[in-house]
Amino acid sequence: DALSMLLVRAAGAPESVRAPIALSVGMVALRQPETLLRVLDGATDRSSAIELVRDAFDMLAEDFEEERFYATVRRAYWAAADGSAAREIAMALIVRLEF
């Protein structure tokens, strides 16, 4: 019921409301795809609900890629010697990208 309510609430909602709902729906889709499929089957506005899932995957994929990048940069920072160019570059990325 909660997932169905999120789909209904997201339809036509402003982006400030829709984005966090999309992320929540995306997490359900990744962790419980069968539940999402069942809810989509009963959705009154299936097209809008599927669009929400697409948006969620766009956001999640982007976040995942940023997190992987951040982890790689942090690993490079700790692997580099003190005062080395590699450590300075990693630190600059961490600071400038606000990781």
PDB file of N, CA and C in Angstrom:
ATOM      1  N   ASP A   1       0.819  -1.205   0.000  1.00  0.00           N
ATOM      2  CA  ASP A   1       0.000   0.000   0.000  1.00  0.00           C
ATOM      3  C   ASP A   1       0.859   1.263   0.000  1.00  0.00           C
ATOM      4  N   ALA A   2       1.955   1.224   0.755  1.00  0.00           N
ATOM      5  CA  ALA A   2       2.816   2.409   0.829  1.00  0.00           C
ATOM      6  C   ALA A   2       3.421   2.731  -0.529  1.00  0.00           C
ATOM      7  N   LEU A   3       3.874   1.723  -1.235  1.00  0.00           N
ATOM      8  CA  LEU A   3       4.459   1.947  -2.551  1.00  0.00           C
ATOM      9  C   LEU A   3       3.412   2.497  -3.516  1.00  0.00           C
ATOM     10  N   SER A   4       2.221   1.967  -3.470  1.00  0.00           N
ATOM     11  CA  SER A   4       1.133   2.486  -4.310  1.00  0.00           C
ATOM     12  C   SER A   4       0.867   3.946  -4.002  1.00  0.00           C
ATOM     13  N   MET A   5       0.857   4.292  -2.736  1.00  0.00           N
ATOM     14  CA  MET A   5       0.620   5.688  -2.330  1.00  0.00           C
ATOM     15  C   MET A   5       1.740   6.602  -2.832  1.00  0.00           C
ATOM     16  N   LEU A   6       2.969   6.125  -2.797  1.00  0.00           N
ATOM     17  CA  LEU A   6       4.078   6.933  -3.309  1.00  0.00           C
ATOM     18  C   LEU A   6       3.917   7.204  -4.797  1.00  0.00           C
ATOM     19  N   LEU A   7       3.508   6.197  -5.541  1.00  0.00           N
ATOM     20  CA  LEU A   7       3.311   6.374  -6.974  1.00  0.00           C
ATOM     21  C   LEU A   7       2.210   7.384  -7.259  1.00  0.00           C
ATOM     22  N   VAL A   8       1.134   7.320  -6.501  1.00  0.00           N
ATOM     23  CA  VAL A   8       0.029   8.269  -6.668  1.00  0.00           C
ATOM     24  C   VAL A   8       0.481   9.676  -6.305  1.00  0.00           C
ATOM     25  N   ARG A   9       1.196   9.784  -5.211  1.00  0.00           N
ATOM     26  CA  ARG A   9       1.643  11.109  -4.732  1.00  0.00           C
ATOM     27  C   ARG A   9       2.623  11.759  -5.702  1.00  0.00           C
ATOM     28  N   ALA A  10       3.455  10.956  -6.340  1.00  0.00           N
ATOM     29  CA  ALA A  10       4.473  11.498  -7.250  1.00  0.00           C
ATOM     30  C   ALA A  10       3.867  12.035  -8.543  1.00  0.00           C
ATOM     31  N   ALA A  11       2.754  11.471  -8.968  1.00  0.00           N
ATOM     32  CA  ALA A  11       2.137  11.902 -10.230  1.00  0.00           C
ATOM     33  C   ALA A  11       1.731  13.366 -10.140  1.00  0.00           C
ATOM     34  N   GLY A  12       2.311  14.173 -10.982  1.00  0.00           N
ATOM     35  CA  GLY A  12       1.985  15.590 -11.027  1.00  0.00           C
ATOM     36  C   GLY A  12       2.569  16.425  -9.899  1.00  0.00           C
ATOM     37  N   ALA A  13       3.382  15.823  -9.052  1.00  0.00           N
ATOM     38  CA  ALA A  13       3.984  16.563  -7.933  1.00  0.00           C
ATOM     39  C   ALA A  13       5.131  17.431  -8.428  1.00  0.00           C
ATOM     40  N   PRO A  14       5.407  18.524  -7.717  1.00  0.00           N
ATOM     41  CA  PRO A  14       6.572  19.337  -8.078  1.00  0.00           C
ATOM     42  C   PRO A  14       7.858  18.534  -7.866  1.00  0.00           C
ATOM     43  N   GLU A  15       8.911  18.924  -8.545  1.00  0.00           N
ATOM     44  CA  GLU A  15      10.177  18.193  -8.506  1.00  0.00           C
ATOM     45  C   GLU A  15      10.721  18.041  -7.083  1.00  0.00           C
ATOM     46  N   SER A  16      10.505  19.035  -6.238  1.00  0.00           N
ATOM     47  CA  SER A  16      11.005  18.948  -4.859  1.00  0.00           C
ATOM     48  C   SER A  16      10.345  17.823  -4.071  1.00  0.00           C
ATOM     49  N   VAL A  17       9.155  17.436  -4.460  1.00  0.00           N
ATOM     50  CA  VAL A  17       8.445  16.311  -3.830  1.00  0.00           C
ATOM     51  C   VAL A  17       8.730  15.022  -4.590  1.00  0.00           C
ATOM     52  N   ARG A  18       8.756  15.130  -5.892  1.00  0.00           N
ATOM     53  CA  ARG A  18       8.883  13.954  -6.749  1.00  0.00           C
ATOM     54  C   ARG A  18      10.248  13.273  -6.628  1.00  0.00           C
ATOM     55  N   ALA A  19      11.321  14.037  -6.546  1.00  0.00           N
ATOM     56  CA  ALA A  19      12.670  13.459  -6.531  1.00  0.00           C
ATOM     57  C   ALA A  19      12.898  12.497  -5.363  1.00  0.00           C
ATOM     58  N   PRO A  20      12.564  12.885  -4.125  1.00  0.00           N
ATOM     59  CA  PRO A  20      12.776  11.924  -3.036  1.00  0.00           C
ATOM     60  C   PRO A  20      11.867  10.695  -3.141  1.00  0.00           C
ATOM     61  N   ILE A  21      10.675  10.893  -3.698  1.00  0.00           N
ATOM     62  CA  ILE A  21       9.791   9.744  -3.908  1.00  0.00           C
ATOM     63  C   ILE A  21      10.412   8.809  -4.942  1.00  0.00           C
ATOM     64  N   ALA A  22      10.952   9.385  -6.001  1.00  0.00           N
ATOM     65  CA  ALA A  22      11.585   8.572  -7.039  1.00  0.00           C
ATOM     66  C   ALA A  22      12.727   7.743  -6.459  1.00  0.00           C
ATOM     67  N   LEU A  23      13.531   8.339  -5.621  1.00  0.00           N
ATOM     68  CA  LEU A  23      14.631   7.594  -5.001  1.00  0.00           C
ATOM     69  C   LEU A  23      14.110   6.436  -4.158  1.00  0.00           C
ATOM     70  N   SER A  24      13.054   6.678  -3.419  1.00  0.00           N
ATOM     71  CA  SER A  24      12.465   5.618  -2.603  1.00  0.00           C
ATOM     72  C   SER A  24      11.927   4.488  -3.465  1.00  0.00           C
ATOM     73  N   VAL A  25      11.237   4.850  -4.511  1.00  0.00           N
ATOM     74  CA  VAL A  25      10.686   3.844  -5.425  1.00  0.00           C
ATOM     75  C   VAL A  25      11.830   3.071  -6.092  1.00  0.00           C
ATOM     76  N   GLY A  26      12.884   3.766  -6.441  1.00  0.00           N
ATOM     77  CA  GLY A  26      14.038   3.112  -7.048  1.00  0.00           C
ATOM     78  C   GLY A  26      14.680   2.101  -6.125  1.00  0.00           C
ATOM     79  N   MET A  27      14.762   2.436  -4.845  1.00  0.00           N
ATOM     80  CA  MET A  27      15.337   1.494  -3.877  1.00  0.00           C
ATOM     81  C   MET A  27      14.469   0.244  -3.756  1.00  0.00           C
ATOM     82  N   VAL A  28      13.170   0.436  -3.757  1.00  0.00           N
ATOM     83  CA  VAL A  28      12.265  -0.722  -3.723  1.00  0.00           C
ATOM     84  C   VAL A  28      12.472  -1.556  -4.985  1.00  0.00           C
ATOM     85  N   ALA A  29      12.579  -0.891  -6.118  1.00  0.00           N
ATOM     86  CA  ALA A  29      12.769  -1.605  -7.378  1.00  0.00           C
ATOM     87  C   ALA A  29      14.033  -2.458  -7.352  1.00  0.00           C
ATOM     88  N   LEU A  30      15.090  -1.945  -6.775  1.00  0.00           N
ATOM     89  CA  LEU A  30      16.341  -2.693  -6.726  1.00  0.00           C
ATOM     90  C   LEU A  30      16.311  -3.823  -5.706  1.00  0.00           C
ATOM     91  N   ARG A  31      15.656  -3.578  -4.598  1.00  0.00           N
ATOM     92  CA  ARG A  31      15.671  -4.568  -3.517  1.00  0.00           C
ATOM     93  C   ARG A  31      14.525  -5.571  -3.575  1.00  0.00           C
ATOM     94  N   GLN A  32      13.387  -5.141  -4.123  1.00  0.00           N
ATOM     95  CA  GLN A  32      12.206  -6.010  -4.181  1.00  0.00           C
ATOM     96  C   GLN A  32      11.505  -5.841  -5.529  1.00  0.00           C
ATOM     97  N   PRO A  33      12.160  -6.265  -6.595  1.00  0.00           N
ATOM     98  CA  PRO A  33      11.566  -6.039  -7.924  1.00  0.00           C
ATOM     99  C   PRO A  33      10.201  -6.677  -8.097  1.00  0.00           C
ATOM    100  N   GLU A  34       9.979  -7.815  -7.454  1.00  0.00           N
ATOM    101  CA  GLU A  34       8.674  -8.468  -7.582  1.00  0.00           C
ATOM    102  C   GLU A  34       7.564  -7.595  -7.006  1.00  0.00           C
ATOM    103  N   THR A  35       7.843  -6.935  -5.892  1.00  0.00           N
ATOM    104  CA  THR A  35       6.866  -6.034  -5.283  1.00  0.00           C
ATOM    105  C   THR A  35       6.546  -4.886  -6.228  1.00  0.00           C
ATOM    106  N   LEU A  36       7.581  -4.303  -6.820  1.00  0.00           N
ATOM    107  CA  LEU A  36       7.354  -3.201  -7.747  1.00  0.00           C
ATOM    108  C   LEU A  36       6.510  -3.663  -8.930  1.00  0.00           C
ATOM    109  N   LEU A  37       6.828  -4.809  -9.475  1.00  0.00           N
ATOM    110  CA  LEU A  37       6.056  -5.311 -10.613  1.00  0.00           C
ATOM    111  C   LEU A  37       4.594  -5.513 -10.236  1.00  0.00           C
ATOM    112  N   ARG A  38       4.358  -6.037  -9.055  1.00  0.00           N
ATOM    113  CA  ARG A  38       2.985  -6.260  -8.599  1.00  0.00           C
ATOM    114  C   ARG A  38       2.246  -4.923  -8.449  1.00  0.00           C
ATOM    115  N   VAL A  39       2.912  -3.939  -7.880  1.00  0.00           N
ATOM    116  CA  VAL A  39       2.278  -2.628  -7.687  1.00  0.00           C
ATOM    117  C   VAL A  39       2.041  -1.943  -9.028  1.00  0.00           C
ATOM    118  N   LEU A  40       3.007  -2.038  -9.934  1.00  0.00           N
ATOM    119  CA  LEU A  40       2.818  -1.445 -11.259  1.00  0.00           C
ATOM    120  C   LEU A  40       1.646  -2.083 -11.991  1.00  0.00           C
ATOM    121  N   ASP A  41       1.464  -3.357 -11.767  1.00  0.00           N
ATOM    122  CA  ASP A  41       0.354  -4.053 -12.407  1.00  0.00           C
ATOM    123  C   ASP A  41      -0.990  -3.466 -11.991  1.00  0.00           C
ATOM    124  N   GLY A  42      -1.083  -2.987 -10.765  1.00  0.00           N
ATOM    125  CA  GLY A  42      -2.335  -2.415 -10.275  1.00  0.00           C
ATOM    126  C   GLY A  42      -2.386  -0.900 -10.315  1.00  0.00           C
ATOM    127  N   ALA A  43      -1.344  -0.260 -10.839  1.00  0.00           N
ATOM    128  CA  ALA A  43      -1.284   1.214 -10.853  1.00  0.00           C
ATOM    129  C   ALA A  43      -2.325   1.788 -11.796  1.00  0.00           C
ATOM    130  N   THR A  44      -2.982   2.861 -11.363  1.00  0.00           N
ATOM    131  CA  THR A  44      -3.981   3.512 -12.212  1.00  0.00           C
ATOM    132  C   THR A  44      -3.321   4.321 -13.322  1.00  0.00           C
ATOM    133  N   ASP A  45      -2.154   4.897 -13.044  1.00  0.00           N
ATOM    134  CA  ASP A  45      -1.420   5.660 -14.056  1.00  0.00           C
ATOM    135  C   ASP A  45      -0.062   4.985 -14.248  1.00  0.00           C
ATOM    136  N   ARG A  46      -0.088   3.855 -14.908  1.00  0.00           N
ATOM    137  CA  ARG A  46       1.121   3.040 -15.081  1.00  0.00           C
ATOM    138  C   ARG A  46       2.229   3.800 -15.801  1.00  0.00           C
ATOM    139  N   SER A  47       1.875   4.585 -16.794  1.00  0.00           N
ATOM    140  CA  SER A  47       2.874   5.343 -17.562  1.00  0.00           C
ATOM    141  C   SER A  47       3.646   6.298 -16.656  1.00  0.00           C
ATOM    142  N   SER A  48       2.933   7.017 -15.811  1.00  0.00           N
ATOM    143  CA  SER A  48       3.577   7.948 -14.871  1.00  0.00           C
ATOM    144  C   SER A  48       4.444   7.198 -13.868  1.00  0.00           C
ATOM    145  N   ALA A  49       3.970   6.045 -13.409  1.00  0.00           N
ATOM    146  CA  ALA A  49       4.727   5.251 -12.442  1.00  0.00           C
ATOM    147  C   ALA A  49       6.018   4.724 -13.055  1.00  0.00           C
ATOM    148  N   ILE A  50       5.953   4.274 -14.291  1.00  0.00           N
ATOM    149  CA  ILE A  50       7.144   3.770 -14.968  1.00  0.00           C
ATOM    150  C   ILE A  50       8.133   4.897 -15.230  1.00  0.00           C
ATOM    151  N   GLU A  51       7.616   6.048 -15.562  1.00  0.00           N
ATOM    152  CA  GLU A  51       8.473   7.223 -15.742  1.00  0.00           C
ATOM    153  C   GLU A  51       9.197   7.548 -14.439  1.00  0.00           C
ATOM    154  N   LEU A  52       8.506   7.413 -13.335  1.00  0.00           N
ATOM    155  CA  LEU A  52       9.116   7.655 -12.021  1.00  0.00           C
ATOM    156  C   LEU A  52      10.250   6.665 -11.754  1.00  0.00           C
ATOM    157  N   VAL A  53      10.043   5.413 -12.112  1.00  0.00           N
ATOM    158  CA  VAL A  53      11.089   4.402 -11.936  1.00  0.00           C
ATOM    159  C   VAL A  53      12.293   4.733 -12.820  1.00  0.00           C
ATOM    160  N   ARG A  54      12.042   5.157 -14.045  1.00  0.00           N
ATOM    161  CA  ARG A  54      13.132   5.551 -14.948  1.00  0.00           C
ATOM    162  C   ARG A  54      13.941   6.684 -14.337  1.00  0.00           C
ATOM    163  N   ASP A  55      13.248   7.689 -13.821  1.00  0.00           N
ATOM    164  CA  ASP A  55      13.924   8.814 -13.183  1.00  0.00           C
ATOM    165  C   ASP A  55      14.734   8.348 -11.975  1.00  0.00           C
ATOM    166  N   ALA A  56      14.172   7.420 -11.220  1.00  0.00           N
ATOM    167  CA  ALA A  56      14.870   6.887 -10.050  1.00  0.00           C
ATOM    168  C   ALA A  56      16.164   6.212 -10.464  1.00  0.00           C
ATOM    169  N   PHE A  57      16.113   5.408 -11.505  1.00  0.00           N
ATOM    170  CA  PHE A  57      17.319   4.713 -11.955  1.00  0.00           C
ATOM    171  C   PHE A  57      18.352   5.702 -12.472  1.00  0.00           C
ATOM    172  N   ASP A  58      17.902   6.777 -13.125  1.00  0.00           N
ATOM    173  CA  ASP A  58      18.842   7.811 -13.553  1.00  0.00           C
ATOM    174  C   ASP A  58      19.546   8.427 -12.350  1.00  0.00           C
ATOM    175  N   MET A  59      18.793   8.717 -11.318  1.00  0.00           N
ATOM    176  CA  MET A  59      19.392   9.314 -10.116  1.00  0.00           C
ATOM    177  C   MET A  59      20.290   8.321  -9.399  1.00  0.00           C
ATOM    178  N   LEU A  60      19.840   7.106  -9.258  1.00  0.00           N
ATOM    179  CA  LEU A  60      20.627   6.106  -8.537  1.00  0.00           C
ATOM    180  C   LEU A  60      21.901   5.759  -9.279  1.00  0.00           C
ATOM    181  N   ALA A  61      21.829   5.628 -10.584  1.00  0.00           N
ATOM    182  CA  ALA A  61      23.015   5.314 -11.369  1.00  0.00           C
ATOM    183  C   ALA A  61      24.037   6.432 -11.223  1.00  0.00           C
ATOM    184  N   GLU A  62      23.570   7.655 -11.255  1.00  0.00           N
ATOM    185  CA  GLU A  62      24.463   8.792 -11.117  1.00  0.00           C
ATOM    186  C   GLU A  62      25.108   8.790  -9.740  1.00  0.00           C
ATOM    187  N   ASP A  63      24.332   8.591  -8.713  1.00  0.00           N
ATOM    188  CA  ASP A  63      24.866   8.554  -7.357  1.00  0.00           C
ATOM    189  C   ASP A  63      25.869   7.415  -7.205  1.00  0.00           C
ATOM    190  N   PHE A  64      25.545   6.259  -7.752  1.00  0.00           N
ATOM    191  CA  PHE A  64      26.435   5.108  -7.654  1.00  0.00           C
ATOM    192  C   PHE A  64      27.774   5.410  -8.315  1.00  0.00           C
ATOM    193  N   GLU A  65      27.722   5.999  -9.493  1.00  0.00           N
ATOM    194  CA  GLU A  65      28.952   6.319 -10.202  1.00  0.00           C
ATOM    195  C   GLU A  65      29.773   7.342  -9.432  1.00  0.00           C
ATOM    196  N   GLU A  66      29.121   8.331  -8.849  1.00  0.00           N
ATOM    197  CA  GLU A  66      29.834   9.325  -8.041  1.00  0.00           C
ATOM    198  C   GLU A  66      30.458   8.681  -6.815  1.00  0.00           C
ATOM    199  N   GLU A  67      29.760   7.795  -6.175  1.00  0.00           N
ATOM    200  CA  GLU A  67      30.298   7.109  -5.000  1.00  0.00           C
ATOM    201  C   GLU A  67      31.486   6.232  -5.359  1.00  0.00           C
ATOM    202  N   ARG A  68      31.393   5.544  -6.480  1.00  0.00           N
ATOM    203  CA  ARG A  68      32.532   4.726  -6.922  1.00  0.00           C
ATOM    204  C   ARG A  68      33.739   5.605  -7.194  1.00  0.00           C
ATOM    205  N   PHE A  69      33.507   6.736  -7.845  1.00  0.00           N
ATOM    206  CA  PHE A  69      34.591   7.673  -8.110  1.00  0.00           C
ATOM    207  C   PHE A  69      35.201   8.158  -6.795  1.00  0.00           C
ATOM    208  N   TYR A  70      34.369   8.558  -5.868  1.00  0.00           N
ATOM    209  CA  TYR A  70      34.836   9.015  -4.572  1.00  0.00           C
ATOM    210  C   TYR A  70      35.667   7.939  -3.878  1.00  0.00           C
ATOM    211  N   ALA A  71      35.201   6.701  -3.887  1.00  0.00           N
ATOM    212  CA  ALA A  71      35.945   5.609  -3.244  1.00  0.00           C
ATOM    213  C   ALA A  71      37.300   5.418  -3.905  1.00  0.00           C
ATOM    214  N   THR A  72      37.346   5.528  -5.221  1.00  0.00           N
ATOM    215  CA  THR A  72      38.616   5.387  -5.938  1.00  0.00           C
ATOM    216  C   THR A  72      39.572   6.508  -5.573  1.00  0.00           C
ATOM    217  N   VAL A  73      39.059   7.722  -5.506  1.00  0.00           N
ATOM    218  CA  VAL A  73      39.902   8.869  -5.157  1.00  0.00           C
ATOM    219  C   VAL A  73      40.420   8.735  -3.722  1.00  0.00           C
ATOM    220  N   ARG A  74      39.556   8.342  -2.803  1.00  0.00           N
ATOM    221  CA  ARG A  74      39.995   8.157  -1.405  1.00  0.00           C
ATOM    222  C   ARG A  74      41.057   7.068  -1.296  1.00  0.00           C
ATOM    223  N   ARG A  75      40.864   5.987  -2.038  1.00  0.00           N
ATOM    224  CA  ARG A  75      41.840   4.896  -2.029  1.00  0.00           C
ATOM    225  C   ARG A  75      43.183   5.395  -2.570  1.00  0.00           C
ATOM    226  N   ALA A  76      43.143   6.188  -3.650  1.00  0.00           N
ATOM    227  CA  ALA A  76      44.368   6.743  -4.225  1.00  0.00           C
ATOM    228  C   ALA A  76      45.043   7.683  -3.230  1.00  0.00           C
ATOM    229  N   TYR A  77      44.251   8.456  -2.518  1.00  0.00           N
ATOM    230  CA  TYR A  77      44.808   9.368  -1.519  1.00  0.00           C
ATOM    231  C   TYR A  77      45.583   8.600  -0.455  1.00  0.00           C
ATOM    232  N   TRP A  78      44.985   7.574   0.097  1.00  0.00           N
ATOM    233  CA  TRP A  78      45.631   6.829   1.173  1.00  0.00           C
ATOM    234  C   TRP A  78      46.785   5.968   0.681  1.00  0.00           C
ATOM    235  N   ALA A  79      46.787   5.574  -0.574  1.00  0.00           N
ATOM    236  CA  ALA A  79      47.878   4.760  -1.126  1.00  0.00           C
ATOM    237  C   ALA A  79      49.093   5.603  -1.479  1.00  0.00           C
ATOM    238  N   ALA A  80      48.885   6.884  -1.726  1.00  0.00           N
ATOM    239  CA  ALA A  80      49.980   7.769  -2.148  1.00  0.00           C
ATOM    240  C   ALA A  80      50.820   8.207  -0.950  1.00  0.00           C
ATOM    241  N   ALA A  81      52.080   8.451  -1.221  1.00  0.00           N
ATOM    242  CA  ALA A  81      53.003   8.908  -0.179  1.00  0.00           C
ATOM    243  C   ALA A  81      52.694  10.354   0.196  1.00  0.00           C
ATOM    244  N   ASP A  82      52.980  10.706   1.455  1.00  0.00           N
ATOM    245  CA  ASP A  82      52.820  12.090   1.910  1.00  0.00           C
ATOM    246  C   ASP A  82      53.622  13.025   1.017  1.00  0.00           C
ATOM    247  N   GLY A  83      52.996  14.126   0.597  1.00  0.00           N
ATOM    248  CA  GLY A  83      53.678  15.128  -0.212  1.00  0.00           C
ATOM    249  C   GLY A  83      53.776  14.792  -1.690  1.00  0.00           C
ATOM    250  N   SER A  84      53.297  13.636  -2.095  1.00  0.00           N
ATOM    251  CA  SER A  84      53.383  13.254  -3.504  1.00  0.00           C
ATOM    252  C   SER A  84      52.319  13.976  -4.324  1.00  0.00           C
ATOM    253  N   ALA A  85      52.560  14.044  -5.623  1.00  0.00           N
ATOM    254  CA  ALA A  85      51.595  14.669  -6.533  1.00  0.00           C
ATOM    255  C   ALA A  85      50.276  13.897  -6.522  1.00  0.00           C
ATOM    256  N   ALA A  86      50.359  12.584  -6.460  1.00  0.00           N
ATOM    257  CA  ALA A  86      49.137  11.773  -6.452  1.00  0.00           C
ATOM    258  C   ALA A  86      48.260  12.110  -5.256  1.00  0.00           C
ATOM    259  N   ARG A  87      48.870  12.288  -4.091  1.00  0.00           N
ATOM    260  CA  ARG A  87      48.094  12.622  -2.901  1.00  0.00           C
ATOM    261  C   ARG A  87      47.524  14.026  -3.014  1.00  0.00           C
ATOM    262  N   GLU A  88      48.285  14.963  -3.558  1.00  0.00           N
ATOM    263  CA  GLU A  88      47.803  16.340  -3.717  1.00  0.00           C
ATOM    264  C   GLU A  88      46.625  16.400  -4.695  1.00  0.00           C
ATOM    265  N   ILE A  89      46.720  15.642  -5.774  1.00  0.00           N
ATOM    266  CA  ILE A  89      45.626  15.610  -6.758  1.00  0.00           C
ATOM    267  C   ILE A  89      44.373  15.012  -6.121  1.00  0.00           C
ATOM    268  N   ALA A  90      44.540  13.910  -5.420  1.00  0.00           N
ATOM    269  CA  ALA A  90      43.391  13.284  -4.762  1.00  0.00           C
ATOM    270  C   ALA A  90      42.751  14.238  -3.759  1.00  0.00           C
ATOM    271  N   MET A  91      43.571  14.923  -2.980  1.00  0.00           N
ATOM    272  CA  MET A  91      43.040  15.869  -1.996  1.00  0.00           C
ATOM    273  C   MET A  91      42.320  17.019  -2.686  1.00  0.00           C
ATOM    274  N   ALA A  92      42.859  17.506  -3.783  1.00  0.00           N
ATOM    275  CA  ALA A  92      42.201  18.593  -4.514  1.00  0.00           C
ATOM    276  C   ALA A  92      40.829  18.141  -5.029  1.00  0.00           C
ATOM    277  N   LEU A  93      40.761  16.925  -5.540  1.00  0.00           N
ATOM    278  CA  LEU A  93      39.472  16.403  -5.999  1.00  0.00           C
ATOM    279  C   LEU A  93      38.482  16.294  -4.847  1.00  0.00           C
ATOM    280  N   ILE A  94      38.935  15.778  -3.734  1.00  0.00           N
ATOM    281  CA  ILE A  94      38.062  15.620  -2.569  1.00  0.00           C
ATOM    282  C   ILE A  94      37.520  16.971  -2.115  1.00  0.00           C
ATOM    283  N   VAL A  95      38.392  17.964  -2.070  1.00  0.00           N
ATOM    284  CA  VAL A  95      37.976  19.287  -1.596  1.00  0.00           C
ATOM    285  C   VAL A  95      37.099  19.990  -2.640  1.00  0.00           C
ATOM    286  N   ARG A  96      37.532  20.019  -3.898  1.00  0.00           N
ATOM    287  CA  ARG A  96      36.794  20.756  -4.928  1.00  0.00           C
ATOM    288  C   ARG A  96      35.439  20.121  -5.245  1.00  0.00           C
ATOM    289  N   LEU A  97      35.367  18.810  -5.199  1.00  0.00           N
ATOM    290  CA  LEU A  97      34.099  18.138  -5.482  1.00  0.00           C
ATOM    291  C   LEU A  97      33.252  17.960  -4.245  1.00  0.00           C
ATOM    292  N   GLU A  98      33.753  18.460  -3.138  1.00  0.00           N
ATOM    293  CA  GLU A  98      33.032  18.431  -1.848  1.00  0.00           C
ATOM    294  C   GLU A  98      32.585  17.031  -1.451  1.00  0.00           C
ATOM    295  N   PHE A  99      33.530  16.116  -1.529  1.00  0.00           N
ATOM    296  CA  PHE A  99      33.248  14.752  -1.094  1.00  0.00           C
ATOM    297  C   PHE A  99      33.359  14.684   0.405  1.00  0.00           C
TER     298      PHE A  99
END
